[in-house]
PDB file of N, CA and C in Angstrom:
ATOM      1  N   MET A   1     -57.462   5.388  29.764  1.00  0.00           N
ATOM      2  CA  MET A   1     -58.431   5.787  30.764  1.00  0.00           C
ATOM      3  C   MET A   1     -58.647   4.614  31.720  1.00  0.00           C
ATOM      4  N   GLU A   2     -58.601   4.923  33.001  1.00  0.00           N
ATOM      5  CA  GLU A   2     -58.842   3.908  34.018  1.00  0.00           C
ATOM      6  C   GLU A   2     -60.335   3.580  34.058  1.00  0.00           C
ATOM      7  N   VAL A   3     -60.653   2.308  34.248  1.00  0.00           N
ATOM      8  CA  VAL A   3     -62.041   1.857  34.326  1.00  0.00           C
ATOM      9  C   VAL A   3     -62.259   1.210  35.681  1.00  0.00           C
ATOM     10  N   LEU A   4     -63.306   1.649  36.390  1.00  0.00           N
ATOM     11  CA  LEU A   4     -63.657   1.095  37.694  1.00  0.00           C
ATOM     12  C   LEU A   4     -65.095   0.631  37.701  1.00  0.00           C
ATOM     13  N   SER A   5     -65.349  -0.466  38.427  1.00  0.00           N
ATOM     14  CA  SER A   5     -66.743  -0.868  38.614  1.00  0.00           C
ATOM     15  C   SER A   5     -67.382   0.105  39.600  1.00  0.00           C
ATOM     16  N   ILE A   6     -68.689   0.191  39.566  1.00  0.00           N
ATOM     17  CA  ILE A   6     -69.394   1.141  40.409  1.00  0.00           C
ATOM     18  C   ILE A   6     -69.197   0.820  41.895  1.00  0.00           C
ATOM     19  N   SER A   7     -69.091  -0.450  42.246  1.00  0.00           N
ATOM     20  CA  SER A   7     -68.873  -0.818  43.644  1.00  0.00           C
ATOM     21  C   SER A   7     -67.482  -0.400  44.114  1.00  0.00           C
ATOM     22  N   LYS A   8     -66.484  -0.559  43.251  1.00  0.00           N
ATOM     23  CA  LYS A   8     -65.123  -0.125  43.600  1.00  0.00           C
ATOM     24  C   LYS A   8     -65.068   1.397  43.699  1.00  0.00           C
ATOM     25  N   PHE A   9     -65.763   2.089  42.796  1.00  0.00           N
ATOM     26  CA  PHE A   9     -65.802   3.549  42.858  1.00  0.00           C
ATOM     27  C   PHE A   9     -66.463   4.016  44.152  1.00  0.00           C
ATOM     28  N   LYS A  10     -67.548   3.382  44.527  1.00  0.00           N
ATOM     29  CA  LYS A  10     -68.258   3.751  45.761  1.00  0.00           C
ATOM     30  C   LYS A  10     -67.360   3.587  46.984  1.00  0.00           C
ATOM     31  N   ALA A  11     -66.565   2.545  46.998  1.00  0.00           N
ATOM     32  CA  ALA A  11     -65.700   2.279  48.143  1.00  0.00           C
ATOM     33  C   ALA A  11     -64.509   3.236  48.208  1.00  0.00           C
ATOM     34  N   THR A  12     -64.075   3.730  47.055  1.00  0.00           N
ATOM     35  CA  THR A  12     -62.860   4.561  47.015  1.00  0.00           C
ATOM     36  C   THR A  12     -63.106   5.923  46.386  1.00  0.00           C
ATOM     37  N   CYS A  13     -64.322   6.420  46.489  1.00  0.00           N
ATOM     38  CA  CYS A  13     -64.731   7.649  45.800  1.00  0.00           C
ATOM     39  C   CYS A  13     -63.792   8.826  46.065  1.00  0.00           C
ATOM     40  N   LEU A  14     -63.506   9.129  47.312  1.00  0.00           N
ATOM     41  CA  LEU A  14     -62.687  10.301  47.629  1.00  0.00           C
ATOM     42  C   LEU A  14     -61.270  10.181  47.073  1.00  0.00           C
ATOM     43  N   SER A  15     -60.679   9.016  47.172  1.00  0.00           N
ATOM     44  CA  SER A  15     -59.322   8.855  46.647  1.00  0.00           C
ATOM     45  C   SER A  15     -59.306   8.899  45.119  1.00  0.00           C
ATOM     46  N   VAL A  16     -60.363   8.367  44.482  1.00  0.00           N
ATOM     47  CA  VAL A  16     -60.457   8.440  43.016  1.00  0.00           C
ATOM     48  C   VAL A  16     -60.561   9.893  42.565  1.00  0.00           C
ATOM     49  N   LEU A  17     -61.415  10.669  43.242  1.00  0.00           N
ATOM     50  CA  LEU A  17     -61.568  12.080  42.891  1.00  0.00           C
ATOM     51  C   LEU A  17     -60.258  12.846  43.085  1.00  0.00           C
ATOM     52  N   GLU A  18     -59.565  12.570  44.165  1.00  0.00           N
ATOM     53  CA  GLU A  18     -58.283  13.230  44.418  1.00  0.00           C
ATOM     54  C   GLU A  18     -57.255  12.856  43.349  1.00  0.00           C
ATOM     55  N   ASN A  19     -57.258  11.593  42.948  1.00  0.00           N
ATOM     56  CA  ASN A  19     -56.326  11.134  41.917  1.00  0.00           C
ATOM     57  C   ASN A  19     -56.617  11.795  40.567  1.00  0.00           C
ATOM     58  N   VAL A  20     -57.892  11.924  40.218  1.00  0.00           N
ATOM     59  CA  VAL A  20     -58.270  12.600  38.971  1.00  0.00           C
ATOM     60  C   VAL A  20     -57.833  14.065  39.022  1.00  0.00           C
ATOM     61  N   ASN A  21     -58.023  14.702  40.149  1.00  0.00           N
ATOM     62  CA  ASN A  21     -57.628  16.092  40.303  1.00  0.00           C
ATOM     63  C   ASN A  21     -56.112  16.253  40.178  1.00  0.00           C
ATOM     64  N   LYS A  22     -55.345  15.328  40.772  1.00  0.00           N
ATOM     65  CA  LYS A  22     -53.887  15.400  40.750  1.00  0.00           C
ATOM     66  C   LYS A  22     -53.295  15.100  39.373  1.00  0.00           C
ATOM     67  N   THR A  23     -53.770  14.022  38.755  1.00  0.00           N
ATOM     68  CA  THR A  23     -53.166  13.556  37.500  1.00  0.00           C
ATOM     69  C   THR A  23     -53.808  14.168  36.258  1.00  0.00           C
ATOM     70  N   GLY A  24     -55.082  14.557  36.370  1.00  0.00           N
ATOM     71  CA  GLY A  24     -55.777  15.091  35.198  1.00  0.00           C
ATOM     72  C   GLY A  24     -56.310  14.009  34.269  1.00  0.00           C
ATOM     73  N   ARG A  25     -56.147  12.732  34.646  1.00  0.00           N
ATOM     74  CA  ARG A  25     -56.632  11.632  33.806  1.00  0.00           C
ATOM     75  C   ARG A  25     -58.038  11.227  34.223  1.00  0.00           C
ATOM     76  N   PRO A  26     -58.951  11.100  33.258  1.00  0.00           N
ATOM     77  CA  PRO A  26     -60.337  10.728  33.584  1.00  0.00           C
ATOM     78  C   PRO A  26     -60.458   9.266  34.006  1.00  0.00           C
ATOM     79  N   VAL A  27     -61.552   8.960  34.688  1.00  0.00           N
ATOM     80  CA  VAL A  27     -61.867   7.598  35.129  1.00  0.00           C
ATOM     81  C   VAL A  27     -63.278   7.282  34.665  1.00  0.00           C
ATOM     82  N   ARG A  28     -63.458   6.102  34.073  1.00  0.00           N
ATOM     83  CA  ARG A  28     -64.785   5.651  33.637  1.00  0.00           C
ATOM     84  C   ARG A  28     -65.345   4.691  34.681  1.00  0.00           C
ATOM     85  N   VAL A  29     -66.581   4.930  35.077  1.00  0.00           N
ATOM     86  CA  VAL A  29     -67.262   4.077  36.054  1.00  0.00           C
ATOM     87  C   VAL A  29     -68.256   3.203  35.291  1.00  0.00           C
ATOM     88  N   THR A  30     -68.216   1.899  35.575  1.00  0.00           N
ATOM     89  CA  THR A  30     -69.093   0.967  34.863  1.00  0.00           C
ATOM     90  C   THR A  30     -70.009   0.234  35.833  1.00  0.00           C
ATOM     91  N   ARG A  31     -71.126  -0.220  35.290  1.00  0.00           N
ATOM     92  CA  ARG A  31     -72.063  -1.064  36.040  1.00  0.00           C
ATOM     93  C   ARG A  31     -72.402  -2.237  35.146  1.00  0.00           C
ATOM     94  N   PHE A  32     -72.108  -3.424  35.621  1.00  0.00           N
ATOM     95  CA  PHE A  32     -72.277  -4.654  34.831  1.00  0.00           C
ATOM     96  C   PHE A  32     -71.527  -4.551  33.507  1.00  0.00           C
ATOM     97  N   GLY A  33     -70.366  -3.890  33.539  1.00  0.00           N
ATOM     98  CA  GLY A  33     -69.510  -3.794  32.358  1.00  0.00           C
ATOM     99  C   GLY A  33     -69.876  -2.681  31.392  1.00  0.00           C
ATOM    100  N   LYS A  34     -70.963  -1.969  31.646  1.00  0.00           N
ATOM    101  CA  LYS A  34     -71.376  -0.878  30.755  1.00  0.00           C
ATOM    102  C   LYS A  34     -71.056   0.467  31.407  1.00  0.00           C
ATOM    103  N   PRO A  35     -70.518   1.397  30.637  1.00  0.00           N
ATOM    104  CA  PRO A  35     -70.178   2.710  31.209  1.00  0.00           C
ATOM    105  C   PRO A  35     -71.421   3.463  31.671  1.00  0.00           C
ATOM    106  N   VAL A  36     -71.339   4.036  32.882  1.00  0.00           N
ATOM    107  CA  VAL A  36     -72.443   4.836  33.406  1.00  0.00           C
ATOM    108  C   VAL A  36     -72.002   6.276  33.691  1.00  0.00           C
ATOM    109  N   ALA A  37     -70.700   6.495  33.861  1.00  0.00           N
ATOM    110  CA  ALA A  37     -70.219   7.846  34.156  1.00  0.00           C
ATOM    111  C   ALA A  37     -68.728   7.941  33.861  1.00  0.00           C
ATOM    112  N   GLU A  38     -68.306   9.162  33.608  1.00  0.00           N
ATOM    113  CA  GLU A  38     -66.886   9.450  33.493  1.00  0.00           C
ATOM    114  C   GLU A  38     -66.553  10.576  34.456  1.00  0.00           C
ATOM    115  N   ILE A  39     -65.527  10.366  35.226  1.00  0.00           N
ATOM    116  CA  ILE A  39     -65.055  11.383  36.157  1.00  0.00           C
ATOM    117  C   ILE A  39     -63.896  12.077  35.458  1.00  0.00           C
ATOM    118  N   VAL A  40     -64.077  13.358  35.177  1.00  0.00           N
ATOM    119  CA  VAL A  40     -63.044  14.126  34.470  1.00  0.00           C
ATOM    120  C   VAL A  40     -62.617  15.308  35.339  1.00  0.00           C
ATOM    121  N   PRO A  41     -61.378  15.765  35.167  1.00  0.00           N
ATOM    122  CA  PRO A  41     -60.956  16.930  35.944  1.00  0.00           C
ATOM    123  C   PRO A  41     -61.758  18.164  35.544  1.00  0.00           C
ATOM    124  N   CYS A  42     -61.999  19.028  36.506  1.00  0.00           N
ATOM    125  CA  CYS A  42     -62.773  20.230  36.200  1.00  0.00           C
ATOM    126  C   CYS A  42     -61.919  21.204  35.387  1.00  0.00           C
ATOM    127  N   SER A  43     -62.587  22.124  34.708  1.00  0.00           N
ATOM    128  CA  SER A  43     -61.886  23.122  33.914  1.00  0.00           C
ATOM    129  C   SER A  43     -61.147  24.073  34.847  1.00  0.00           C
ATOM    130  N   PRO A  44     -60.080  24.706  34.348  1.00  0.00           N
ATOM    131  CA  PRO A  44     -59.310  25.606  35.207  1.00  0.00           C
ATOM    132  C   PRO A  44     -60.177  26.726  35.765  1.00  0.00           C
ATOM    133  N   ARG A  45     -59.976  27.008  37.025  1.00  0.00           N
ATOM    134  CA  ARG A  45     -60.741  28.059  37.695  1.00  0.00           C
ATOM    135  C   ARG A  45     -60.156  29.420  37.355  1.00  0.00           C
ATOM    136  N   LEU A  46     -61.021  30.376  37.104  1.00  0.00           N
ATOM    137  CA  LEU A  46     -60.560  31.732  36.874  1.00  0.00           C
ATOM    138  C   LEU A  46     -60.156  32.350  38.202  1.00  0.00           C
ATOM    139  N   ASP A  47     -58.985  32.949  38.213  1.00  0.00           N
ATOM    140  CA  ASP A  47     -58.495  33.557  39.445  1.00  0.00           C
ATOM    141  C   ASP A  47     -59.201  34.884  39.660  1.00  0.00           C
ATOM    142  N   SER A  48     -59.975  34.979  40.739  1.00  0.00           N
ATOM    143  CA  SER A  48     -60.753  36.186  40.986  1.00  0.00           C
ATOM    144  C   SER A  48     -59.882  37.380  41.351  1.00  0.00           C
ATOM    145  N   ALA A  49     -58.630  37.140  41.734  1.00  0.00           N
ATOM    146  CA  ALA A  49     -57.749  38.250  42.107  1.00  0.00           C
ATOM    147  C   ALA A  49     -57.207  38.974  40.867  1.00  0.00           C
ATOM    148  N   ASN A  50     -57.315  38.353  39.691  1.00  0.00           N
ATOM    149  CA  ASN A  50     -56.777  38.968  38.481  1.00  0.00           C
ATOM    150  C   ASN A  50     -57.564  40.186  38.022  1.00  0.00           C
ATOM    151  N   TRP A  51     -58.787  40.364  38.485  1.00  0.00           N
ATOM    152  CA  TRP A  51     -59.580  41.497  38.024  1.00  0.00           C
ATOM    153  C   TRP A  51     -59.062  42.798  38.611  1.00  0.00           C
ATOM    154  N   LEU A  52     -58.375  42.745  39.740  1.00  0.00           N
ATOM    155  CA  LEU A  52     -57.836  43.962  40.332  1.00  0.00           C
ATOM    156  C   LEU A  52     -56.771  44.553  39.408  1.00  0.00           C
ATOM    157  N   GLY A  53     -56.970  45.769  39.015  1.00  0.00           N
ATOM    158  CA  GLY A  53     -56.011  46.438  38.137  1.00  0.00           C
ATOM    159  C   GLY A  53     -56.166  46.095  36.673  1.00  0.00           C
ATOM    160  N   SER A  54     -57.200  45.341  36.318  1.00  0.00           N
ATOM    161  CA  SER A  54     -57.351  44.924  34.924  1.00  0.00           C
ATOM    162  C   SER A  54     -57.691  46.094  34.000  1.00  0.00           C
ATOM    163  N   MET A  55     -58.199  47.199  34.545  1.00  0.00           N
ATOM    164  CA  MET A  55     -58.532  48.369  33.719  1.00  0.00           C
ATOM    165  C   MET A  55     -57.431  49.433  33.775  1.00  0.00           C
ATOM    166  N   SER A  56     -56.316  49.088  34.358  1.00  0.00           N
ATOM    167  CA  SER A  56     -55.209  50.032  34.493  1.00  0.00           C
ATOM    168  C   SER A  56     -54.764  50.544  33.129  1.00  0.00           C
ATOM    169  N   GLY A  57     -54.629  51.869  33.023  1.00  0.00           N
ATOM    170  CA  GLY A  57     -54.164  52.475  31.779  1.00  0.00           C
ATOM    171  C   GLY A  57     -55.249  52.730  30.754  1.00  0.00           C
ATOM    172  N   THR A  58     -56.504  52.464  31.077  1.00  0.00           N
ATOM    173  CA  THR A  58     -57.577  52.658  30.105  1.00  0.00           C
ATOM    174  C   THR A  58     -58.356  53.948  30.343  1.00  0.00           C
ATOM    175  N   LEU A  59     -58.025  54.685  31.376  1.00  0.00           N
ATOM    176  CA  LEU A  59     -58.742  55.898  31.721  1.00  0.00           C
ATOM    177  C   LEU A  59     -57.872  57.113  31.445  1.00  0.00           C
ATOM    178  N   GLU A  60     -58.490  58.151  30.919  1.00  0.00           N
ATOM    179  CA  GLU A  60     -57.763  59.386  30.666  1.00  0.00           C
ATOM    180  C   GLU A  60     -58.476  60.534  31.376  1.00  0.00           C
ATOM    181  N   ILE A  61     -57.759  61.244  32.256  1.00  0.00           N
ATOM    182  CA  ILE A  61     -58.325  62.378  32.978  1.00  0.00           C
ATOM    183  C   ILE A  61     -58.107  63.622  32.126  1.00  0.00           C
ATOM    184  N   THR A  62     -59.195  64.296  31.770  1.00  0.00           N
ATOM    185  CA  THR A  62     -59.084  65.459  30.875  1.00  0.00           C
ATOM    186  C   THR A  62     -59.293  66.782  31.584  1.00  0.00           C
ATOM    187  N   GLY A  63     -59.739  66.780  32.813  1.00  0.00           N
ATOM    188  CA  GLY A  63     -59.944  68.035  33.527  1.00  0.00           C
ATOM    189  C   GLY A  63     -60.488  67.783  34.911  1.00  0.00           C
ATOM    190  N   ASP A  64     -60.679  68.853  35.656  1.00  0.00           N
ATOM    191  CA  ASP A  64     -61.169  68.767  37.018  1.00  0.00           C
ATOM    192  C   ASP A  64     -62.677  69.015  37.023  1.00  0.00           C
ATOM    193  N   ILE A  65     -63.464  68.019  37.348  1.00  0.00           N
ATOM    194  CA  ILE A  65     -64.920  68.188  37.338  1.00  0.00           C
ATOM    195  C   ILE A  65     -65.447  68.643  38.693  1.00  0.00           C
ATOM    196  N   VAL A  66     -64.591  68.690  39.711  1.00  0.00           N
ATOM    197  CA  VAL A  66     -65.027  69.062  41.046  1.00  0.00           C
ATOM    198  C   VAL A  66     -64.564  70.468  41.413  1.00  0.00           C
ATOM    199  N   GLY A  67     -63.550  70.974  40.738  1.00  0.00           N
ATOM    200  CA  GLY A  67     -62.982  72.271  41.082  1.00  0.00           C
ATOM    201  C   GLY A  67     -63.995  73.400  40.968  1.00  0.00           C
ATOM    202  N   SER A  68     -63.779  74.448  41.765  1.00  0.00           N
ATOM    203  CA  SER A  68     -64.712  75.576  41.739  1.00  0.00           C
ATOM    204  C   SER A  68     -64.120  76.728  40.930  1.00  0.00           C
ATOM    205  N   SER A  69     -64.984  77.569  40.442  1.00  0.00           N
ATOM    206  CA  SER A  69     -64.563  78.742  39.684  1.00  0.00           C
ATOM    207  C   SER A  69     -64.245  79.877  40.647  1.00  0.00           C
ATOM    208  N   THR A  70     -63.191  80.630  40.372  1.00  0.00           N
ATOM    209  CA  THR A  70     -62.802  81.731  41.261  1.00  0.00           C
ATOM    210  C   THR A  70     -63.098  83.093  40.657  1.00  0.00           C
ATOM    211  N   GLU A  71     -63.572  83.134  39.422  1.00  0.00           N
ATOM    212  CA  GLU A  71     -63.884  84.409  38.761  1.00  0.00           C
ATOM    213  C   GLU A  71     -65.249  84.900  39.230  1.00  0.00           C
ATOM    214  N   PRO A  72     -65.354  86.172  39.691  1.00  0.00           N
ATOM    215  CA  PRO A  72     -66.645  86.707  40.162  1.00  0.00           C
ATOM    216  C   PRO A  72     -67.731  86.684  39.098  1.00  0.00           C
ATOM    217  N   SER A  73     -67.377  86.931  37.843  1.00  0.00           N
ATOM    218  CA  SER A  73     -68.398  86.943  36.796  1.00  0.00           C
ATOM    219  C   SER A  73     -69.006  85.551  36.606  1.00  0.00           C
ATOM    220  N   GLU A  74     -68.219  84.532  36.773  1.00  0.00           N
ATOM    221  CA  GLU A  74     -68.738  83.165  36.645  1.00  0.00           C
ATOM    222  C   GLU A  74     -69.642  82.831  37.829  1.00  0.00           C
ATOM    223  N   TRP A  75     -69.344  83.361  39.021  1.00  0.00           N
ATOM    224  CA  TRP A  75     -70.178  83.141  40.178  1.00  0.00           C
ATOM    225  C   TRP A  75     -71.561  83.797  39.966  1.00  0.00           C
ATOM    226  N   ASN A  76     -71.548  84.968  39.403  1.00  0.00           N
ATOM    227  CA  ASN A  76     -72.808  85.663  39.145  1.00  0.00           C
ATOM    228  C   ASN A  76     -73.672  84.872  38.156  1.00  0.00           C
ATOM    229  N   ALA A  77     -73.044  84.291  37.175  1.00  0.00           N
ATOM    230  CA  ALA A  77     -73.787  83.498  36.197  1.00  0.00           C
ATOM    231  C   ALA A  77     -74.407  82.264  36.865  1.00  0.00           C
ATOM    232  N   LEU A  78     -73.732  81.723  37.832  1.00  0.00           N
ATOM    233  CA  LEU A  78     -74.239  80.548  38.528  1.00  0.00           C
ATOM    234  C   LEU A  78     -75.420  80.870  39.440  1.00  0.00           C
ATOM    235  N   ARG A  79     -75.452  82.076  39.982  1.00  0.00           N
ATOM    236  CA  ARG A  79     -76.537  82.486  40.885  1.00  0.00           C
ATOM    237  C   ARG A  79     -77.850  82.661  40.152  1.00  0.00           C
ATOM    238  N   ASP A  80     -77.814  83.036  38.897  1.00  0.00           N
ATOM    239  CA  ASP A  80     -79.042  83.324  38.148  1.00  0.00           C
ATOM    240  C   ASP A  80     -79.811  82.090  37.809  1.00  0.00           C
TER     241      ASP A  80
END
C-alpha cells in the first residue's frame, strides 16, 4: 500500500484518486506519521441498463382479459 503525507495528498489529490481508480490499489494518508485516512477504490457500480428484460420469460399469459363476449345470452347477463 502506498503511503502519502497529508500535504503531498493535498497537492496531488486528483491524480492520486485517478491512480487509485485505475490500479485498484489503496493509498494511506498520514499526518505526522500516523494514518488518518485510506483511499480505496469504490465498489463496482451496478449497471442500471441490466434491469431491462430481467423479467423475460417469467410471465405466462393464460387468456384474454380484455376480449368481449359475442354470445347474446352472456350480454343479457351483463345487463342485469
